[in-house]
Amino acid sequence: MRKNILVLTSSPRRGGNSDMLAMSFAKGAMEQGHEVSMVSVGHQQIGGCLACERCWKQGQRPCVRDDDMQAIFPALESADVCVLAAPLYFYNLPSQIVSVCDRLYPYYKDDCPRKLKIKESVLLMTAATDERDEFAGVENVYRILTDYLGWKDRGVLIADSVLDKGDIEQGDWLKQAFEMGKAI
């Protein structure tokens, strides 16, 4: 079955290790006939949820905030799979992708006129560290998020020991991401 896959990258470093990992995943998915859209949220102005409870109060807009998230909402609404691709920042997801996750709130309110179609997700991460326990917080947040959203986890790939731009090419991380994309 052909799927619409949305890959959200969040590194502020263009063409960096997490972007390369995401591209490799996308190539694998496209090879299987899936449609893939990539959005770099690391280069957009997206604020977090204001907890104003005014979701859907401006017609068909999920959120009243007028920022770059307004352009991402349609991509989210058409996606079957959401891929989060990010570098590890201070043992957590970067704030750019956290803001996007926060802004999913309107779709999970009881009075939501349009629910998301997303049923599956993937987490792709890169980091300079090779200490596996330093990823525990991110992995836990991802599991809680997918459970809450009702998304089936299709895999977590954590590429460790990659700091400098291009370090990702030194192992088999890109091959693993490509295979994950093919398996989706």
N, C-alpha and C. Protein backbone atom coordinates (compact mmCIF):
# COMPACT_ATOMS: atom_id res chain seq x y z
N MET A 1 0.84 -1.18 0.00
CA MET A 1 0.00 0.00 0.00
C MET A 1 0.88 1.25 0.00
N ARG A 2 0.62 2.15 -0.91
CA ARG A 2 1.38 3.39 -1.01
C ARG A 2 1.02 4.31 0.15
N LYS A 3 2.04 4.87 0.79
CA LYS A 3 1.81 5.75 1.93
C LYS A 3 2.36 7.15 1.64
N ASN A 4 1.76 8.12 2.29
CA ASN A 4 2.22 9.50 2.24
C ASN A 4 3.04 9.71 3.51
N ILE A 5 4.34 9.90 3.35
CA ILE A 5 5.26 10.00 4.48
C ILE A 5 5.75 11.43 4.61
N LEU A 6 5.60 12.00 5.80
CA LEU A 6 6.09 13.34 6.10
C LEU A 6 7.32 13.20 6.98
N VAL A 7 8.44 13.72 6.50
CA VAL A 7 9.69 13.69 7.26
C VAL A 7 9.94 15.11 7.77
N LEU A 8 9.95 15.26 9.08
CA LEU A 8 10.23 16.55 9.71
C LEU A 8 11.67 16.54 10.22
N THR A 9 12.51 17.36 9.61
CA THR A 9 13.89 17.48 10.08
C THR A 9 13.99 18.72 10.95
N SER A 10 14.85 18.67 11.95
CA SER A 10 14.87 19.79 12.89
C SER A 10 16.24 20.34 13.18
N SER A 11 17.24 19.92 12.45
CA SER A 11 18.57 20.46 12.69
C SER A 11 18.71 21.85 12.09
N PRO A 12 19.27 22.78 12.85
CA PRO A 12 19.54 24.09 12.27
C PRO A 12 20.74 24.06 11.33
N ARG A 13 21.48 22.94 11.30
CA ARG A 13 22.65 22.81 10.42
C ARG A 13 22.21 22.13 9.12
N ARG A 14 22.07 22.92 8.08
CA ARG A 14 21.62 22.40 6.78
C ARG A 14 22.60 21.36 6.24
N GLY A 15 22.03 20.25 5.77
CA GLY A 15 22.86 19.21 5.18
C GLY A 15 23.71 18.45 6.18
N GLY A 16 23.38 18.57 7.44
CA GLY A 16 24.14 17.90 8.50
C GLY A 16 23.79 16.43 8.60
N ASN A 17 24.28 15.81 9.64
CA ASN A 17 24.13 14.37 9.82
C ASN A 17 22.69 13.91 9.90
N SER A 18 21.85 14.62 10.65
CA SER A 18 20.45 14.18 10.77
C SER A 18 19.70 14.42 9.46
N ASP A 19 20.04 15.48 8.72
CA ASP A 19 19.43 15.70 7.40
C ASP A 19 19.81 14.57 6.45
N MET A 20 21.07 14.15 6.49
CA MET A 20 21.54 13.07 5.62
C MET A 20 20.86 11.75 5.98
N LEU A 21 20.66 11.53 7.28
CA LEU A 21 19.97 10.32 7.73
C LEU A 21 18.52 10.32 7.22
N ALA A 22 17.87 11.48 7.31
CA ALA A 22 16.50 11.61 6.84
C ALA A 22 16.41 11.40 5.33
N MET A 23 17.35 11.94 4.58
CA MET A 23 17.36 11.77 3.13
C MET A 23 17.52 10.30 2.75
N SER A 24 18.37 9.60 3.47
CA SER A 24 18.58 8.18 3.19
C SER A 24 17.30 7.39 3.45
N PHE A 25 16.63 7.69 4.56
CA PHE A 25 15.34 7.06 4.85
C PHE A 25 14.35 7.34 3.72
N ALA A 26 14.27 8.60 3.30
CA ALA A 26 13.34 9.01 2.25
C ALA A 26 13.61 8.25 0.95
N LYS A 27 14.88 8.10 0.60
CA LYS A 27 15.22 7.36 -0.63
C LYS A 27 14.73 5.92 -0.56
N GLY A 28 14.91 5.28 0.59
CA GLY A 28 14.43 3.91 0.75
C GLY A 28 12.91 3.82 0.61
N ALA A 29 12.21 4.78 1.22
CA ALA A 29 10.75 4.78 1.14
C ALA A 29 10.27 5.04 -0.29
N MET A 30 10.92 5.98 -0.97
CA MET A 30 10.52 6.28 -2.35
C MET A 30 10.80 5.10 -3.27
N GLU A 31 11.85 4.37 -2.99
CA GLU A 31 12.15 3.19 -3.80
C GLU A 31 11.02 2.17 -3.73
N GLN A 32 10.28 2.16 -2.64
CA GLN A 32 9.16 1.24 -2.47
C GLN A 32 7.85 1.83 -3.01
N GLY A 33 7.92 3.03 -3.58
CA GLY A 33 6.74 3.63 -4.19
C GLY A 33 5.97 4.58 -3.30
N HIS A 34 6.48 4.86 -2.11
CA HIS A 34 5.79 5.79 -1.21
C HIS A 34 6.07 7.24 -1.64
N GLU A 35 5.14 8.10 -1.32
CA GLU A 35 5.33 9.53 -1.54
C GLU A 35 5.96 10.12 -0.29
N VAL A 36 7.02 10.88 -0.45
CA VAL A 36 7.73 11.44 0.70
C VAL A 36 7.82 12.95 0.56
N SER A 37 7.44 13.65 1.61
CA SER A 37 7.60 15.10 1.71
C SER A 37 8.54 15.37 2.87
N MET A 38 9.47 16.29 2.65
CA MET A 38 10.39 16.67 3.72
C MET A 38 10.20 18.14 4.05
N VAL A 39 10.12 18.42 5.36
CA VAL A 39 9.98 19.79 5.82
C VAL A 39 11.05 20.02 6.87
N SER A 40 11.84 21.06 6.66
CA SER A 40 12.88 21.42 7.63
C SER A 40 12.32 22.41 8.63
N VAL A 41 11.88 21.91 9.77
CA VAL A 41 11.31 22.80 10.79
C VAL A 41 12.40 23.54 11.55
N GLY A 42 13.63 23.10 11.40
CA GLY A 42 14.76 23.77 12.06
C GLY A 42 15.06 25.13 11.47
N HIS A 43 14.46 25.45 10.34
CA HIS A 43 14.71 26.74 9.68
C HIS A 43 13.44 27.58 9.58
N GLN A 44 12.48 27.28 10.42
CA GLN A 44 11.22 28.01 10.38
C GLN A 44 10.94 28.63 11.74
N GLN A 45 10.07 29.60 11.73
CA GLN A 45 9.64 30.26 12.95
C GLN A 45 8.36 29.59 13.43
N ILE A 46 8.50 28.69 14.41
CA ILE A 46 7.36 27.96 14.95
C ILE A 46 7.40 28.09 16.47
N GLY A 47 6.39 28.74 16.99
CA GLY A 47 6.30 28.88 18.43
C GLY A 47 5.55 27.71 19.05
N GLY A 48 5.74 27.53 20.32
CA GLY A 48 5.05 26.46 21.04
C GLY A 48 3.59 26.79 21.27
N CYS A 49 2.88 25.83 21.80
CA CYS A 49 1.47 26.00 22.13
C CYS A 49 1.34 27.05 23.23
N LEU A 50 0.36 27.93 23.09
CA LEU A 50 0.11 28.98 24.09
C LEU A 50 -0.88 28.55 25.17
N ALA A 51 -1.46 27.38 25.03
CA ALA A 51 -2.50 26.90 25.95
C ALA A 51 -3.65 27.89 26.04
N CYS A 52 -3.95 28.54 24.93
CA CYS A 52 -5.01 29.56 24.91
C CYS A 52 -6.39 28.94 24.74
N GLU A 53 -6.44 27.66 24.34
CA GLU A 53 -7.69 26.93 24.12
C GLU A 53 -8.57 27.56 23.04
N ARG A 54 -7.95 28.25 22.08
CA ARG A 54 -8.69 28.84 20.97
C ARG A 54 -8.52 28.02 19.69
N CYS A 55 -8.14 26.74 19.83
CA CYS A 55 -7.99 25.86 18.68
C CYS A 55 -9.28 25.86 17.86
N TRP A 56 -9.13 25.92 16.56
CA TRP A 56 -10.24 25.85 15.60
C TRP A 56 -11.23 27.02 15.72
N LYS A 57 -10.85 28.09 16.40
CA LYS A 57 -11.76 29.22 16.59
C LYS A 57 -11.70 30.22 15.44
N GLN A 58 -10.76 30.04 14.53
CA GLN A 58 -10.67 30.92 13.36
C GLN A 58 -10.98 30.10 12.11
N GLY A 59 -12.19 29.65 12.01
CA GLY A 59 -12.59 28.86 10.85
C GLY A 59 -11.94 27.50 10.84
N GLN A 60 -11.28 27.19 9.74
CA GLN A 60 -10.68 25.87 9.57
C GLN A 60 -9.22 25.80 10.01
N ARG A 61 -8.72 26.86 10.61
CA ARG A 61 -7.33 26.87 11.08
C ARG A 61 -7.24 26.14 12.42
N PRO A 62 -6.33 25.17 12.52
CA PRO A 62 -6.19 24.44 13.78
C PRO A 62 -5.75 25.34 14.95
N CYS A 63 -4.91 26.35 14.64
CA CYS A 63 -4.31 27.17 15.69
C CYS A 63 -4.40 28.64 15.32
N VAL A 64 -4.59 29.48 16.32
CA VAL A 64 -4.70 30.91 16.08
C VAL A 64 -3.34 31.59 15.88
N ARG A 65 -2.27 30.92 16.28
CA ARG A 65 -0.94 31.51 16.10
C ARG A 65 -0.66 31.65 14.61
N ASP A 66 -0.12 32.80 14.25
CA ASP A 66 0.19 33.06 12.85
C ASP A 66 1.69 32.98 12.65
N ASP A 67 2.17 31.76 12.45
CA ASP A 67 3.60 31.54 12.22
C ASP A 67 3.76 30.47 11.15
N ASP A 68 4.97 29.97 10.98
CA ASP A 68 5.24 29.01 9.91
C ASP A 68 4.54 27.67 10.09
N MET A 69 4.00 27.40 11.24
CA MET A 69 3.28 26.15 11.46
C MET A 69 2.03 26.07 10.59
N GLN A 70 1.48 27.23 10.22
CA GLN A 70 0.28 27.24 9.38
C GLN A 70 0.52 26.52 8.05
N ALA A 71 1.75 26.56 7.54
CA ALA A 71 2.08 25.88 6.29
C ALA A 71 2.34 24.39 6.50
N ILE A 72 2.62 23.98 7.72
CA ILE A 72 2.92 22.58 8.02
C ILE A 72 1.64 21.80 8.33
N PHE A 73 0.63 22.46 8.84
CA PHE A 73 -0.63 21.77 9.16
C PHE A 73 -1.17 20.96 7.98
N PRO A 74 -1.24 21.50 6.76
CA PRO A 74 -1.76 20.70 5.64
C PRO A 74 -0.91 19.45 5.35
N ALA A 75 0.40 19.57 5.49
CA ALA A 75 1.28 18.41 5.28
C ALA A 75 1.02 17.34 6.33
N LEU A 76 0.79 17.76 7.56
CA LEU A 76 0.46 16.81 8.64
C LEU A 76 -0.88 16.13 8.35
N GLU A 77 -1.84 16.90 7.88
CA GLU A 77 -3.18 16.36 7.64
C GLU A 77 -3.21 15.35 6.50
N SER A 78 -2.28 15.44 5.57
CA SER A 78 -2.28 14.50 4.45
C SER A 78 -1.35 13.31 4.67
N ALA A 79 -0.61 13.31 5.75
CA ALA A 79 0.38 12.25 5.99
C ALA A 79 -0.24 11.01 6.63
N ASP A 80 0.31 9.85 6.24
CA ASP A 80 -0.02 8.57 6.87
C ASP A 80 1.05 8.18 7.89
N VAL A 81 2.27 8.66 7.64
CA VAL A 81 3.43 8.34 8.49
C VAL A 81 4.16 9.64 8.78
N CYS A 82 4.59 9.81 10.03
CA CYS A 82 5.38 10.97 10.42
C CYS A 82 6.75 10.50 10.90
N VAL A 83 7.80 11.05 10.30
CA VAL A 83 9.17 10.73 10.68
C VAL A 83 9.77 11.96 11.33
N LEU A 84 10.28 11.79 12.53
CA LEU A 84 10.97 12.87 13.23
C LEU A 84 12.47 12.61 13.11
N ALA A 85 13.18 13.54 12.51
CA ALA A 85 14.63 13.41 12.32
C ALA A 85 15.30 14.58 13.03
N ALA A 86 16.20 14.26 13.96
CA ALA A 86 16.75 15.31 14.80
C ALA A 86 18.11 14.94 15.37
N PRO A 87 18.92 15.95 15.64
CA PRO A 87 20.12 15.71 16.44
C PRO A 87 19.74 15.74 17.92
N LEU A 88 20.50 15.07 18.73
CA LEU A 88 20.30 15.09 20.18
C LEU A 88 20.86 16.40 20.72
N TYR A 89 20.02 17.18 21.39
CA TYR A 89 20.44 18.45 21.99
C TYR A 89 20.24 18.37 23.49
N PHE A 90 21.32 18.45 24.22
CA PHE A 90 21.25 18.40 25.69
C PHE A 90 20.33 17.29 26.17
N TYR A 91 20.51 16.10 25.57
CA TYR A 91 19.82 14.87 25.97
C TYR A 91 18.33 14.91 25.68
N ASN A 92 17.95 15.72 24.69
CA ASN A 92 16.54 15.87 24.36
C ASN A 92 16.38 16.15 22.87
N LEU A 93 15.13 16.25 22.43
CA LEU A 93 14.84 16.70 21.07
C LEU A 93 15.09 18.20 20.99
N PRO A 94 15.50 18.70 19.85
CA PRO A 94 15.66 20.15 19.69
C PRO A 94 14.32 20.87 19.84
N SER A 95 14.37 22.09 20.32
CA SER A 95 13.15 22.85 20.57
C SER A 95 12.33 23.04 19.30
N GLN A 96 12.98 23.07 18.14
CA GLN A 96 12.25 23.27 16.89
C GLN A 96 11.22 22.16 16.65
N ILE A 97 11.59 20.93 16.93
CA ILE A 97 10.66 19.82 16.69
C ILE A 97 9.69 19.65 17.87
N VAL A 98 10.13 20.04 19.04
CA VAL A 98 9.23 20.00 20.21
C VAL A 98 8.06 20.96 19.98
N SER A 99 8.35 22.13 19.42
CA SER A 99 7.27 23.09 19.14
C SER A 99 6.26 22.51 18.16
N VAL A 100 6.73 21.79 17.15
CA VAL A 100 5.81 21.16 16.20
C VAL A 100 4.94 20.13 16.92
N CYS A 101 5.56 19.31 17.75
CA CYS A 101 4.79 18.30 18.50
C CYS A 101 3.77 18.96 19.41
N ASP A 102 4.15 20.04 20.08
CA ASP A 102 3.21 20.77 20.94
C ASP A 102 2.01 21.26 20.15
N ARG A 103 2.24 21.65 18.92
CA ARG A 103 1.19 22.24 18.10
C ARG A 103 0.27 21.20 17.47
N LEU A 104 0.48 19.92 17.76
CA LEU A 104 -0.45 18.88 17.35
C LEU A 104 -1.70 18.87 18.22
N TYR A 105 -1.65 19.58 19.32
CA TYR A 105 -2.73 19.60 20.30
C TYR A 105 -4.12 19.79 19.71
N PRO A 106 -4.34 20.73 18.76
CA PRO A 106 -5.69 20.93 18.23
C PRO A 106 -6.33 19.67 17.63
N TYR A 107 -5.49 18.78 17.12
CA TYR A 107 -6.01 17.57 16.47
C TYR A 107 -6.47 16.51 17.46
N TYR A 108 -6.20 16.71 18.71
CA TYR A 108 -6.56 15.71 19.71
C TYR A 108 -7.58 16.24 20.72
N LYS A 109 -8.20 17.35 20.37
CA LYS A 109 -9.28 17.89 21.18
C LYS A 109 -10.59 17.22 20.76
N ASP A 110 -11.52 17.14 21.68
CA ASP A 110 -12.81 16.49 21.39
C ASP A 110 -13.56 17.17 20.26
N ASP A 111 -13.44 18.49 20.15
CA ASP A 111 -14.20 19.22 19.14
C ASP A 111 -13.42 19.44 17.83
N CYS A 112 -12.41 18.64 17.60
CA CYS A 112 -11.59 18.77 16.39
C CYS A 112 -12.41 18.39 15.15
N PRO A 113 -12.51 19.30 14.17
CA PRO A 113 -13.28 18.97 12.97
C PRO A 113 -12.52 18.08 11.98
N ARG A 114 -11.18 18.04 12.08
CA ARG A 114 -10.36 17.24 11.17
C ARG A 114 -9.27 16.52 11.98
N LYS A 115 -9.35 15.23 12.05
CA LYS A 115 -8.33 14.45 12.75
C LYS A 115 -7.18 14.15 11.80
N LEU A 116 -6.01 13.91 12.36
CA LEU A 116 -4.87 13.50 11.54
C LEU A 116 -5.04 12.05 11.10
N LYS A 117 -4.53 11.73 9.90
CA LYS A 117 -4.56 10.36 9.38
C LYS A 117 -3.33 9.57 9.81
N ILE A 118 -2.38 10.23 10.41
CA ILE A 118 -1.12 9.57 10.76
C ILE A 118 -1.38 8.39 11.69
N LYS A 119 -0.85 7.25 11.29
CA LYS A 119 -1.01 6.03 12.09
C LYS A 119 0.33 5.41 12.47
N GLU A 120 1.43 5.88 11.84
CA GLU A 120 2.75 5.30 12.09
C GLU A 120 3.78 6.40 12.22
N SER A 121 4.87 6.08 12.91
CA SER A 121 5.94 7.06 13.07
C SER A 121 7.29 6.38 13.17
N VAL A 122 8.32 7.18 12.93
CA VAL A 122 9.72 6.75 13.01
C VAL A 122 10.50 7.86 13.68
N LEU A 123 11.50 7.50 14.46
CA LEU A 123 12.41 8.47 15.05
C LEU A 123 13.81 8.20 14.54
N LEU A 124 14.42 9.22 13.93
CA LEU A 124 15.80 9.16 13.47
C LEU A 124 16.59 10.21 14.24
N MET A 125 17.65 9.78 14.93
CA MET A 125 18.44 10.71 15.75
C MET A 125 19.92 10.56 15.46
N THR A 126 20.63 11.66 15.63
CA THR A 126 22.08 11.65 15.56
C THR A 126 22.63 12.34 16.80
N ALA A 127 23.86 11.98 17.17
CA ALA A 127 24.49 12.63 18.32
C ALA A 127 25.98 12.36 18.32
N ALA A 128 26.70 13.25 18.96
CA ALA A 128 28.15 13.10 19.10
C ALA A 128 28.49 12.01 20.12
N THR A 129 27.62 11.82 21.08
CA THR A 129 27.91 10.87 22.16
C THR A 129 27.78 9.42 21.70
N ASP A 130 28.47 8.56 22.41
CA ASP A 130 28.29 7.12 22.17
C ASP A 130 27.76 6.44 23.43
N GLU A 131 27.35 7.24 24.40
CA GLU A 131 26.79 6.73 25.65
C GLU A 131 25.30 6.46 25.46
N ARG A 132 24.94 5.21 25.36
CA ARG A 132 23.57 4.81 25.06
C ARG A 132 22.55 5.37 26.06
N ASP A 133 22.90 5.44 27.33
CA ASP A 133 21.95 5.92 28.33
C ASP A 133 21.60 7.40 28.16
N GLU A 134 22.40 8.14 27.41
CA GLU A 134 22.12 9.56 27.18
C GLU A 134 20.96 9.77 26.21
N PHE A 135 20.49 8.71 25.58
CA PHE A 135 19.33 8.78 24.69
C PHE A 135 18.04 8.35 25.40
N ALA A 136 18.15 7.89 26.63
CA ALA A 136 16.98 7.33 27.33
C ALA A 136 15.82 8.33 27.43
N GLY A 137 16.12 9.58 27.71
CA GLY A 137 15.06 10.58 27.84
C GLY A 137 14.30 10.80 26.54
N VAL A 138 15.03 10.92 25.44
CA VAL A 138 14.39 11.12 24.13
C VAL A 138 13.56 9.91 23.74
N GLU A 139 14.12 8.73 23.95
CA GLU A 139 13.38 7.52 23.59
C GLU A 139 12.10 7.41 24.42
N ASN A 140 12.17 7.78 25.69
CA ASN A 140 10.99 7.73 26.55
C ASN A 140 9.94 8.75 26.10
N VAL A 141 10.36 9.96 25.79
CA VAL A 141 9.43 10.99 25.30
C VAL A 141 8.78 10.53 24.01
N TYR A 142 9.57 9.96 23.11
CA TYR A 142 9.03 9.47 21.83
C TYR A 142 7.99 8.38 22.07
N ARG A 143 8.26 7.45 22.94
CA ARG A 143 7.31 6.36 23.22
C ARG A 143 6.01 6.90 23.83
N ILE A 144 6.13 7.83 24.77
CA ILE A 144 4.95 8.42 25.39
C ILE A 144 4.14 9.20 24.34
N LEU A 145 4.83 9.96 23.50
CA LEU A 145 4.18 10.74 22.45
C LEU A 145 3.42 9.83 21.49
N THR A 146 4.08 8.78 21.01
CA THR A 146 3.41 7.89 20.05
C THR A 146 2.24 7.16 20.70
N ASP A 147 2.39 6.78 21.95
CA ASP A 147 1.27 6.14 22.65
C ASP A 147 0.08 7.09 22.75
N TYR A 148 0.33 8.33 23.16
CA TYR A 148 -0.73 9.31 23.31
C TYR A 148 -1.42 9.59 21.98
N LEU A 149 -0.62 9.74 20.91
CA LEU A 149 -1.17 10.08 19.60
C LEU A 149 -1.78 8.88 18.88
N GLY A 150 -1.53 7.68 19.41
CA GLY A 150 -2.06 6.48 18.79
C GLY A 150 -1.29 6.07 17.55
N TRP A 151 -0.02 6.49 17.46
CA TRP A 151 0.82 6.15 16.32
C TRP A 151 1.59 4.88 16.61
N LYS A 152 1.66 4.01 15.64
CA LYS A 152 2.46 2.79 15.77
C LYS A 152 3.92 3.13 15.48
N ASP A 153 4.79 2.80 16.41
CA ASP A 153 6.22 3.04 16.24
C ASP A 153 6.76 2.04 15.21
N ARG A 154 7.31 2.56 14.12
CA ARG A 154 7.89 1.70 13.08
C ARG A 154 9.40 1.63 13.19
N GLY A 155 9.97 2.24 14.24
CA GLY A 155 11.40 2.08 14.45
C GLY A 155 12.07 3.34 14.94
N VAL A 156 13.16 3.09 15.67
CA VAL A 156 14.01 4.16 16.19
C VAL A 156 15.42 3.85 15.72
N LEU A 157 16.06 4.81 15.08
CA LEU A 157 17.45 4.67 14.68
C LEU A 157 18.24 5.79 15.31
N ILE A 158 19.20 5.42 16.14
CA ILE A 158 20.04 6.41 16.81
C ILE A 158 21.47 6.22 16.33
N ALA A 159 21.93 7.19 15.56
CA ALA A 159 23.29 7.18 15.03
C ALA A 159 24.19 7.92 16.02
N ASP A 160 25.00 7.16 16.71
CA ASP A 160 25.87 7.79 17.71
C ASP A 160 27.26 8.06 17.14
N SER A 161 28.03 8.82 17.89
CA SER A 161 29.42 9.15 17.55
C SER A 161 29.55 9.92 16.23
N VAL A 162 28.56 10.75 15.93
CA VAL A 162 28.62 11.61 14.75
C VAL A 162 28.47 13.07 15.18
N LEU A 163 29.54 13.81 15.06
CA LEU A 163 29.53 15.21 15.48
C LEU A 163 29.68 16.15 14.30
N ASP A 164 30.80 16.02 13.60
CA ASP A 164 31.08 16.92 12.50
C ASP A 164 30.23 16.57 11.29
N LYS A 165 29.90 17.58 10.52
CA LYS A 165 29.11 17.41 9.31
C LYS A 165 29.78 16.35 8.43
N GLY A 166 29.02 15.32 8.07
CA GLY A 166 29.55 14.26 7.23
C GLY A 166 30.01 13.03 7.98
N ASP A 167 30.13 13.12 9.31
CA ASP A 167 30.54 11.95 10.10
C ASP A 167 29.60 10.75 9.90
N ILE A 168 28.36 11.03 9.56
CA ILE A 168 27.35 9.98 9.38
C ILE A 168 27.74 9.00 8.27
N GLU A 169 28.60 9.44 7.37
CA GLU A 169 29.02 8.59 6.25
C GLU A 169 30.07 7.55 6.66
N GLN A 170 30.58 7.63 7.87
CA GLN A 170 31.66 6.75 8.30
C GLN A 170 31.21 5.39 8.80
N GLY A 171 29.96 5.19 8.99
CA GLY A 171 29.46 3.88 9.44
C GLY A 171 28.40 3.37 8.48
N ASP A 172 27.54 2.53 8.99
CA ASP A 172 26.45 2.01 8.15
C ASP A 172 25.11 2.66 8.49
N TRP A 173 25.16 3.82 9.15
CA TRP A 173 23.94 4.51 9.56
C TRP A 173 23.04 4.83 8.37
N LEU A 174 23.61 5.33 7.30
CA LEU A 174 22.80 5.71 6.13
C LEU A 174 22.16 4.48 5.50
N LYS A 175 22.87 3.38 5.48
CA LYS A 175 22.32 2.14 4.96
C LYS A 175 21.16 1.66 5.84
N GLN A 176 21.33 1.76 7.16
CA GLN A 176 20.26 1.36 8.07
C GLN A 176 19.02 2.22 7.86
N ALA A 177 19.21 3.53 7.69
CA ALA A 177 18.07 4.44 7.47
C ALA A 177 17.39 4.11 6.15
N PHE A 178 18.17 3.83 5.12
CA PHE A 178 17.62 3.46 3.81
C PHE A 178 16.75 2.19 3.95
N GLU A 179 17.26 1.21 4.65
CA GLU A 179 16.52 -0.05 4.85
C GLU A 179 15.25 0.18 5.66
N MET A 180 15.30 1.08 6.66
CA MET A 180 14.09 1.41 7.42
C MET A 180 13.05 2.02 6.50
N GLY A 181 13.49 2.90 5.62
CA GLY A 181 12.58 3.53 4.66
C GLY A 181 11.94 2.52 3.74
N LYS A 182 12.74 1.55 3.30
CA LYS A 182 12.21 0.51 2.42
C LYS A 182 11.19 -0.37 3.14
N ALA A 183 11.37 -0.54 4.44
CA ALA A 183 10.52 -1.44 5.22
C ALA A 183 9.22 -0.80 5.69
N ILE A 184 9.07 0.48 5.48
CA ILE A 184 7.88 1.17 6.02
C ILE A 184 6.60 0.75 5.32
